[in-house]
């Protein structure tokens, strides 16, 4: 219970004493008894009631988050419209009842919200700020304003607005500032990096006007932004197109990477095949060189043996003849293989042989199998 309430309660007790004392005095007089006790009780109650009524009416208690404007109806300053020049701050104050009238104002930070959601803002229903951006898009802004009454300017607020400062000043000023600032931006700016910039501009615009009207702006918040259905669909379509483009790009990158990998693999395979072919060609060349060197060495050995034994080739030739060959016919002037003259002489010496002619050509008959010449 506050002090003023306590004083009021004591004043009520005094007035009850007056009523009770009067009743006792009347009953005592009707019964021919002394009425003095009742009269004394009524007088004491009257004194208590009057004193505490005056005290409760003249004693003003201002809370820690309040300020009071005092209007003096008799003898007030006409230059200040009868208001005390200095509002009453927190604490206990004594005023003249009836002559002085007190109007308290809260100095606590108040929040005024304008929201699209019903029953969320200070006004029921859709109370958001409808704004059209510079590119013609309609948006709806939810705004919260945190402010307080300036204690030093409570007289000004009282004279200009009384308790209507929210409806007459805060609400229209903030809504106008939101429309003016956002109308200079495109709709993409509201959900991009410029949102904080927009909020800061609105706050600066409002903050400059509040002190002139006895208020202090603490903060201004853009709580929510609602876009039109057409714009939302356009944004969704744009996002889908961007996602499809990104997917196509990723697919192209994957195909490019795969093609590069296949190309690299083909180049590696071709390089390996080329290296294998070169290695095989080198091996074949080396093999040919080795075979040629071996053949040359073999021919050199054969040539060396033939030069030492001229008849060796003739012997090898005869050795290769078939076993069933009995004789051979060849011209007498044959330059091939045998010295026919020496063989003829050998055959006339008794080994046997004959000569003959055919078509004007002389032929010699020699044994197919050489006969060993007797050793003399």
Protein backbone atom coordinates (compact mmCIF):
# COMPACT_ATOMS: atom_id res chain seq x y z
CA UNK A 1 0.00 0.00 0.00
CA UNK A 2 1.36 3.41 -0.99
CA UNK A 3 1.61 6.42 1.28
CA UNK A 4 -1.21 8.22 -0.47
CA UNK A 5 -3.42 5.17 -0.16
CA UNK A 6 -2.56 4.86 3.50
CA UNK A 7 -3.47 8.48 4.13
CA UNK A 8 -6.70 8.00 2.26
CA UNK A 9 -7.50 4.97 4.36
CA UNK A 10 -6.87 6.95 7.60
CA UNK A 11 -9.10 9.73 6.29
CA UNK A 12 -11.81 7.15 5.67
CA UNK A 13 -11.39 5.88 9.22
CA UNK A 14 -11.85 9.45 10.52
CA UNK A 15 -15.08 9.87 8.58
CA UNK A 16 -16.31 6.55 9.93
CA UNK A 17 -15.57 7.85 13.43
CA UNK A 18 -17.69 10.90 12.68
CA UNK A 19 -20.58 8.71 11.61
CA UNK A 20 -20.13 6.39 14.58
CA UNK A 21 -19.83 9.25 17.12
CA UNK A 22 -22.95 10.92 15.75
CA UNK A 23 -24.89 7.68 16.00
CA UNK A 24 -23.76 7.14 19.60
CA UNK A 25 -24.66 10.73 20.56
CA UNK A 26 -28.16 10.35 19.08
CA UNK A 27 -28.77 7.03 20.86
CA UNK A 28 -27.52 8.40 24.15
CA UNK A 29 -29.78 11.47 23.89
CA UNK A 30 -32.79 9.28 23.11
CA UNK A 31 -32.12 7.25 26.23
CA UNK A 32 -31.58 10.32 28.43
CA UNK A 33 -27.94 9.51 28.78
CA UNK A 34 -25.06 11.91 28.25
CA UNK A 35 -24.30 12.40 24.53
CA UNK A 36 -20.83 13.82 25.18
CA UNK A 37 -18.83 10.62 24.41
CA UNK A 38 -20.49 10.29 21.04
CA UNK A 39 -19.96 13.94 20.25
CA UNK A 40 -16.29 13.75 21.22
CA UNK A 41 -15.79 10.67 19.03
CA UNK A 42 -17.45 12.43 16.10
CA UNK A 43 -15.29 15.53 16.55
CA UNK A 44 -12.11 13.43 16.71
CA UNK A 45 -13.16 11.55 13.61
CA UNK A 46 -13.90 14.82 11.84
CA UNK A 47 -10.46 16.15 12.64
CA UNK A 48 -8.78 12.91 11.51
CA UNK A 49 -10.86 12.67 8.36
CA UNK A 50 -10.21 16.25 7.32
CA UNK A 51 -6.53 16.20 8.13
CA UNK A 52 -5.79 12.91 6.38
CA UNK A 53 -8.01 13.84 3.45
CA UNK A 54 -6.04 17.03 3.02
CA UNK A 55 -2.83 15.09 3.48
CA UNK A 56 -3.81 12.39 0.96
CA UNK A 57 -4.93 15.02 -1.53
CA UNK A 58 -1.94 17.28 -1.07
CA UNK A 59 0.68 14.58 -0.79
CA UNK A 60 1.86 13.35 -4.19
CA UNK A 61 4.16 10.35 -4.61
CA UNK A 62 5.95 10.18 -7.98
CA UNK A 63 7.36 6.77 -8.92
CA UNK A 64 10.96 6.16 -10.07
CA UNK A 65 9.91 5.95 -13.73
CA UNK A 66 7.44 8.83 -13.69
CA UNK A 67 7.30 12.57 -14.05
CA UNK A 68 4.34 14.79 -13.11
CA UNK A 69 3.08 17.96 -14.72
CA UNK A 70 1.38 20.29 -12.20
CA UNK A 71 -1.36 22.66 -13.30
CA UNK A 72 -2.16 25.52 -10.94
CA UNK A 73 -5.71 26.79 -11.43
CA UNK A 74 -5.33 29.81 -9.12
CA UNK A 75 -2.32 32.09 -9.42
CA UNK A 76 -0.58 30.12 -12.12
CA UNK A 77 1.88 31.58 -14.64
CA UNK A 78 -0.10 32.61 -17.72
CA UNK A 79 3.05 32.56 -19.85
CA UNK A 80 3.33 28.84 -19.13
CA UNK A 81 -0.40 28.14 -19.41
CA UNK A 82 -0.67 27.77 -15.62
CA UNK A 83 1.82 24.90 -15.48
CA UNK A 84 4.62 24.73 -13.00
CA UNK A 85 7.83 25.51 -14.81
CA UNK A 86 9.50 22.34 -13.57
CA UNK A 87 7.69 18.98 -13.61
CA UNK A 88 7.77 16.91 -10.44
CA UNK A 89 10.40 14.18 -10.49
CA UNK A 90 10.40 10.87 -8.56
CA UNK A 91 9.74 11.23 -4.83
CA UNK A 92 7.13 12.64 -2.39
CA UNK A 93 5.73 16.10 -3.03
CA UNK A 94 3.17 18.31 -1.28
CA UNK A 95 0.72 20.33 -3.30
CA UNK A 96 -2.34 22.37 -2.50
CA UNK A 97 -5.40 20.20 -3.00
CA UNK A 98 -8.02 21.45 -5.42
CA UNK A 99 -5.81 24.41 -6.43
CA UNK A 100 -3.13 22.21 -7.99
CA UNK A 101 -3.88 19.38 -10.40
CA UNK A 102 -1.26 16.70 -11.18
CA UNK A 103 -0.84 14.85 -14.49
CA UNK A 104 1.68 12.00 -14.27
CA UNK A 105 3.59 10.69 -17.33
CA UNK A 106 5.62 7.51 -17.53
CA UNK A 107 9.25 7.87 -18.51
CA UNK A 108 9.72 4.14 -19.13
CA UNK A 109 10.77 2.98 -22.58
CA UNK A 110 7.63 2.21 -24.50
CA UNK A 111 7.27 0.02 -27.59
CA UNK A 112 4.90 0.91 -30.37
CA UNK A 113 4.53 -1.89 -32.93
CA UNK A 114 2.86 -1.83 -36.33
CA UNK A 115 2.48 -5.40 -37.59
CA UNK A 116 0.73 -7.28 -40.36
CA UNK A 117 -0.12 -10.07 -37.91
CA UNK A 118 -3.42 -9.54 -36.14
CA UNK A 119 -3.26 -8.78 -32.39
CA UNK A 120 0.51 -8.44 -32.48
CA UNK A 121 0.76 -4.71 -32.88
CA UNK A 122 -0.57 -1.76 -30.94
CA UNK A 123 -3.54 -1.62 -33.31
CA UNK A 124 -5.56 -4.75 -34.04
CA UNK A 125 -5.63 -6.31 -37.49
CA UNK A 126 -3.18 -5.66 -40.31
CA UNK A 127 -1.33 -2.53 -39.20
CA UNK A 128 1.84 -2.95 -41.30
CA UNK A 129 3.22 -0.08 -43.36
CA UNK A 130 2.35 -0.51 -47.05
CA UNK A 131 5.19 0.83 -49.20
CA UNK A 132 5.88 0.90 -52.94
CA UNK A 133 9.54 0.62 -53.91
CA UNK A 134 11.31 2.57 -56.62
CA UNK A 135 10.75 -0.26 -59.12
CA UNK A 136 7.01 -0.36 -58.41
CA UNK A 137 6.83 -3.38 -56.09
CA UNK A 138 4.35 -3.33 -53.21
CA UNK A 139 5.78 -4.45 -49.86
CA UNK A 140 4.48 -4.48 -46.30
CA UNK A 141 6.79 -3.52 -43.43
CA UNK A 142 6.42 -4.46 -39.76
CA UNK A 143 7.99 -1.76 -37.58
CA UNK A 144 8.66 -1.47 -33.84
CA UNK A 145 9.58 1.87 -32.25
CA UNK A 146 11.18 2.04 -28.81
CA UNK A 147 10.91 5.52 -27.28
CA UNK A 148 10.32 7.40 -24.04
CA UNK A 149 8.99 10.75 -22.84
CA UNK A 150 11.76 13.23 -22.10
CA UNK A 151 11.26 14.19 -18.40
CA UNK A 152 12.57 17.70 -19.01
CA UNK A 153 9.98 18.24 -21.78
CA UNK A 154 6.96 16.74 -20.08
CA UNK A 155 5.24 20.17 -19.99
CA UNK A 156 5.57 20.46 -23.79
CA UNK A 157 4.16 16.95 -24.31
CA UNK A 158 1.27 17.76 -21.99
CA UNK A 159 0.43 21.00 -23.72
CA UNK A 160 0.73 19.66 -27.27
CA UNK A 161 -0.45 16.08 -27.07
CA UNK A 162 -1.60 15.18 -23.54
CA UNK A 163 -1.83 11.36 -23.81
CA UNK A 164 -2.28 11.36 -27.57
CA UNK A 165 1.39 11.54 -28.53
CA UNK A 166 1.45 7.94 -29.83
CA UNK A 167 -1.52 8.38 -32.16
CA UNK A 168 -0.84 12.00 -33.09
CA UNK A 169 2.93 11.91 -33.47
CA UNK A 170 4.74 8.56 -33.10
CA UNK A 171 2.58 6.54 -35.48
CA UNK A 172 2.27 9.00 -38.40
CA UNK A 173 5.89 10.15 -38.16
CA UNK A 174 7.32 6.61 -38.29
CA UNK A 175 5.02 5.47 -41.11
CA UNK A 176 5.90 8.53 -43.19
CA UNK A 177 9.63 7.98 -42.63
CA UNK A 178 9.39 4.32 -43.67
CA UNK A 179 7.56 5.22 -46.88
CA UNK A 180 9.89 8.07 -47.77
CA UNK A 181 13.11 6.08 -47.30
CA UNK A 182 12.04 2.77 -48.84
CA UNK A 183 10.55 4.46 -51.89
CA UNK A 184 14.11 5.32 -52.91
CA UNK A 185 15.25 1.66 -53.00
CA UNK A 186 14.54 -1.33 -55.21
CA UNK A 187 12.75 -4.33 -53.82
CA UNK A 188 15.93 -6.45 -54.02
CA UNK A 189 17.60 -4.06 -51.59
CA UNK A 190 15.12 -4.93 -48.85
CA UNK A 191 16.38 -8.50 -48.51
CA UNK A 192 19.95 -7.84 -49.54
CA UNK A 193 22.95 -6.14 -48.00
CA UNK A 194 21.24 -2.72 -47.96
CA UNK A 195 18.61 -3.62 -45.38
CA UNK A 196 20.69 -2.35 -42.46
CA UNK A 197 21.40 0.83 -44.42
CA UNK A 198 17.67 1.38 -44.96
CA UNK A 199 16.92 0.78 -41.30
CA UNK A 200 19.64 3.22 -40.28
CA UNK A 201 18.30 5.95 -42.60
CA UNK A 202 14.76 5.57 -41.23
CA UNK A 203 16.04 5.73 -37.66
CA UNK A 204 18.08 8.87 -38.36
CA UNK A 205 15.08 10.53 -40.00
CA UNK A 206 12.79 9.77 -37.03
CA UNK A 207 15.42 10.48 -34.40
CA UNK A 208 15.81 14.05 -35.62
CA UNK A 209 12.08 14.79 -35.12
CA UNK A 210 11.45 13.15 -31.74
CA UNK A 211 13.34 15.67 -29.51
CA UNK A 212 11.39 18.53 -31.05
CA UNK A 213 8.24 16.88 -29.75
CA UNK A 214 9.39 16.01 -26.24
CA UNK A 215 10.27 12.37 -26.96
CA UNK A 216 13.50 10.39 -27.06
CA UNK A 217 13.94 7.66 -29.70
CA UNK A 218 15.73 4.60 -28.33
CA UNK A 219 15.58 2.30 -31.35
CA UNK A 220 13.68 1.57 -34.54
CA UNK A 221 13.45 -1.95 -35.92
CA UNK A 222 12.24 -3.29 -39.27
CA UNK A 223 10.86 -6.54 -37.91
CA UNK A 224 9.45 -8.21 -41.00
CA UNK A 225 9.01 -7.50 -44.69
CA UNK A 226 6.19 -9.14 -46.65
CA UNK A 227 6.35 -9.16 -50.44
CA UNK A 228 3.52 -9.46 -52.92
CA UNK A 229 2.55 -12.87 -54.28
CA UNK A 230 3.67 -11.92 -57.79
CA UNK A 231 7.10 -10.92 -56.57
CA UNK A 232 7.48 -14.07 -54.48
CA UNK A 233 6.65 -16.22 -57.52
CA UNK A 234 9.12 -14.24 -59.64
CA UNK A 235 11.84 -14.71 -57.02
CA UNK A 236 11.11 -18.43 -56.80
CA UNK A 237 11.28 -18.77 -60.58
CA UNK A 238 14.55 -16.85 -60.61
CA UNK A 239 15.99 -19.08 -57.91
CA UNK A 240 14.88 -22.18 -59.81
CA UNK A 241 16.50 -20.83 -62.97
CA UNK A 242 19.70 -20.07 -61.08
CA UNK A 243 19.72 -23.56 -59.59
CA UNK A 244 19.17 -25.10 -63.03
CA UNK A 245 21.94 -22.95 -64.47
CA UNK A 246 24.24 -23.97 -61.63
CA UNK A 247 23.39 -27.63 -62.18
CA UNK A 248 24.04 -27.27 -65.92
CA UNK A 249 27.36 -25.62 -65.16
CA UNK A 250 28.31 -28.38 -62.75
CA UNK A 251 27.29 -31.00 -65.33
CA UNK A 252 29.37 -29.23 -67.98
CA UNK A 253 32.30 -29.10 -65.59
CA UNK A 254 31.92 -32.82 -64.86
CA UNK A 255 31.73 -33.63 -68.60
CA UNK A 256 34.73 -31.41 -69.24
CA UNK A 257 36.66 -33.12 -66.47
CA UNK A 258 35.64 -36.56 -67.77
CA UNK A 259 36.61 -35.65 -71.34
CA UNK A 260 39.92 -34.28 -70.13
CA UNK A 261 40.51 -37.49 -68.20
CA UNK A 262 39.67 -39.63 -71.22
CA UNK A 263 41.91 -37.47 -73.41
CA UNK A 264 44.74 -37.75 -70.91
CA UNK A 265 44.22 -41.51 -70.73
CA UNK A 266 44.23 -41.76 -74.54
CA UNK A 267 47.38 -39.66 -74.74
CA UNK A 268 48.99 -41.82 -72.07
CA UNK A 269 47.93 -45.02 -73.88
CA UNK A 270 49.15 -43.68 -77.22
CA UNK A 271 52.41 -42.60 -75.64
CA UNK A 272 52.78 -46.03 -74.10
CA UNK A 273 51.98 -47.72 -77.42
CA UNK A 274 54.42 -45.45 -79.19
CA UNK A 275 57.07 -46.19 -76.62
CA UNK A 276 56.36 -49.92 -76.99
CA UNK A 277 56.54 -49.65 -80.80
CA UNK A 278 59.79 -47.73 -80.59
CA UNK A 279 61.17 -50.27 -78.14
CA UNK A 280 60.06 -53.12 -80.39
CA UNK A 281 61.52 -51.40 -83.44
CA UNK A 282 64.78 -50.88 -81.59
CA UNK A 283 64.71 -54.52 -80.54
CA UNK A 284 64.01 -55.68 -84.10
CA UNK A 285 66.75 -53.42 -85.41
CA UNK A 286 69.17 -54.75 -82.85
CA UNK A 287 68.10 -58.32 -83.72
CA UNK A 288 68.64 -57.63 -87.43
CA UNK A 289 72.01 -56.11 -86.68
CA UNK A 290 72.94 -59.13 -84.60
CA UNK A 291 71.74 -61.53 -87.30
CA UNK A 292 73.56 -59.52 -89.97
CA UNK A 293 76.68 -59.53 -87.85
CA UNK A 294 76.32 -63.27 -87.30
CA UNK A 295 75.72 -63.90 -91.03
CA UNK A 296 78.67 -61.69 -91.92
CA UNK A 297 80.84 -63.55 -89.45
CA UNK A 298 79.58 -66.89 -90.81
CA UNK A 299 80.21 -65.81 -94.41
CA UNK A 300 83.64 -64.63 -93.43
CA UNK A 301 84.39 -68.03 -91.94
CA UNK A 302 82.97 -69.80 -95.03
CA UNK A 303 84.93 -67.55 -97.34
CA UNK A 304 88.06 -68.25 -95.34
CA UNK A 305 87.50 -72.01 -95.59
CA UNK A 306 86.73 -71.86 -99.32
CA UNK A 307 89.82 -69.80 -100.00
CA UNK A 308 91.86 -72.48 -98.23
CA UNK A 309 90.00 -75.43 -99.87
CA UNK A 310 88.73 -74.47 -103.35
CA UNK A 311 87.20 -77.89 -103.97
CA UNK A 312 85.09 -77.70 -100.87
CA UNK A 313 82.16 -76.04 -102.61
CA UNK A 314 82.18 -78.72 -105.28
CA UNK A 315 82.17 -81.39 -102.65
CA UNK A 316 79.26 -79.76 -100.82
CA UNK A 317 77.34 -79.55 -104.07
CA UNK A 318 77.84 -83.20 -104.87
CA UNK A 319 77.01 -84.07 -101.30
CA UNK A 320 73.60 -82.41 -101.66
CA UNK A 321 72.66 -84.39 -104.76
CA UNK A 322 69.99 -87.02 -104.41
CA UNK A 323 71.21 -90.60 -104.00
CA UNK A 324 69.37 -91.88 -107.09
CA UNK A 325 71.04 -89.47 -109.55
CA UNK A 326 73.29 -91.56 -111.86
CA UNK A 327 74.59 -88.96 -114.25
CA UNK A 328 74.37 -85.29 -115.14
CA UNK A 329 74.37 -83.71 -118.59
CA UNK A 330 75.73 -80.20 -118.94
CA UNK A 331 77.55 -78.24 -121.69
CA UNK A 332 81.25 -78.73 -121.94
CA UNK A 333 81.83 -75.02 -121.64
CA UNK A 334 79.68 -74.76 -118.48
CA UNK A 335 81.16 -72.23 -116.14
CA UNK A 336 79.27 -73.68 -113.19
CA UNK A 337 80.79 -75.35 -110.23
CA UNK A 338 83.11 -77.91 -111.87
CA UNK A 339 86.22 -77.90 -113.86
CA UNK A 340 84.78 -80.18 -116.57
CA UNK A 341 88.06 -80.52 -118.36
CA UNK A 342 89.69 -82.01 -115.32
CA UNK A 343 86.73 -84.26 -114.77
CA UNK A 344 86.84 -85.34 -118.43
CA UNK A 345 90.46 -86.18 -118.14
CA UNK A 346 89.74 -88.08 -115.01
CA UNK A 347 86.93 -90.00 -116.64
CA UNK A 348 89.14 -90.94 -119.69
CA UNK A 349 91.63 -92.24 -117.29
CA UNK A 350 89.29 -95.11 -116.55
CA UNK A 351 86.53 -93.88 -114.39
CA UNK A 352 84.14 -94.11 -117.26
CA UNK A 353 82.21 -91.48 -119.07
CA UNK A 354 81.14 -90.52 -122.51
CA UNK A 355 80.49 -87.45 -124.53
CA UNK A 356 77.93 -86.73 -127.09
CA UNK A 357 76.47 -83.96 -129.12
CA UNK A 358 72.96 -82.80 -129.59
CA UNK A 359 71.81 -79.97 -131.84
CA UNK A 360 75.39 -78.95 -132.57
CA UNK A 361 76.20 -78.64 -128.83
CA UNK A 362 78.73 -80.94 -127.23
CA UNK A 363 77.73 -82.55 -123.94
CA UNK A 364 79.80 -84.55 -121.54
CA UNK A 365 78.66 -87.35 -119.36
CA UNK A 366 80.14 -87.48 -115.89
CA UNK A 367 79.29 -89.78 -113.06
CA UNK A 368 76.74 -88.35 -110.64
CA UNK A 369 78.57 -89.90 -107.75
CA UNK A 370 82.24 -89.07 -107.59
CA UNK A 371 84.65 -91.96 -107.60
CA UNK A 372 87.61 -91.94 -105.44
CA UNK A 373 90.80 -91.59 -107.41
CA UNK A 374 93.31 -94.33 -106.66
CA UNK A 375 96.25 -93.17 -104.83
CA UNK A 376 99.46 -93.67 -106.81
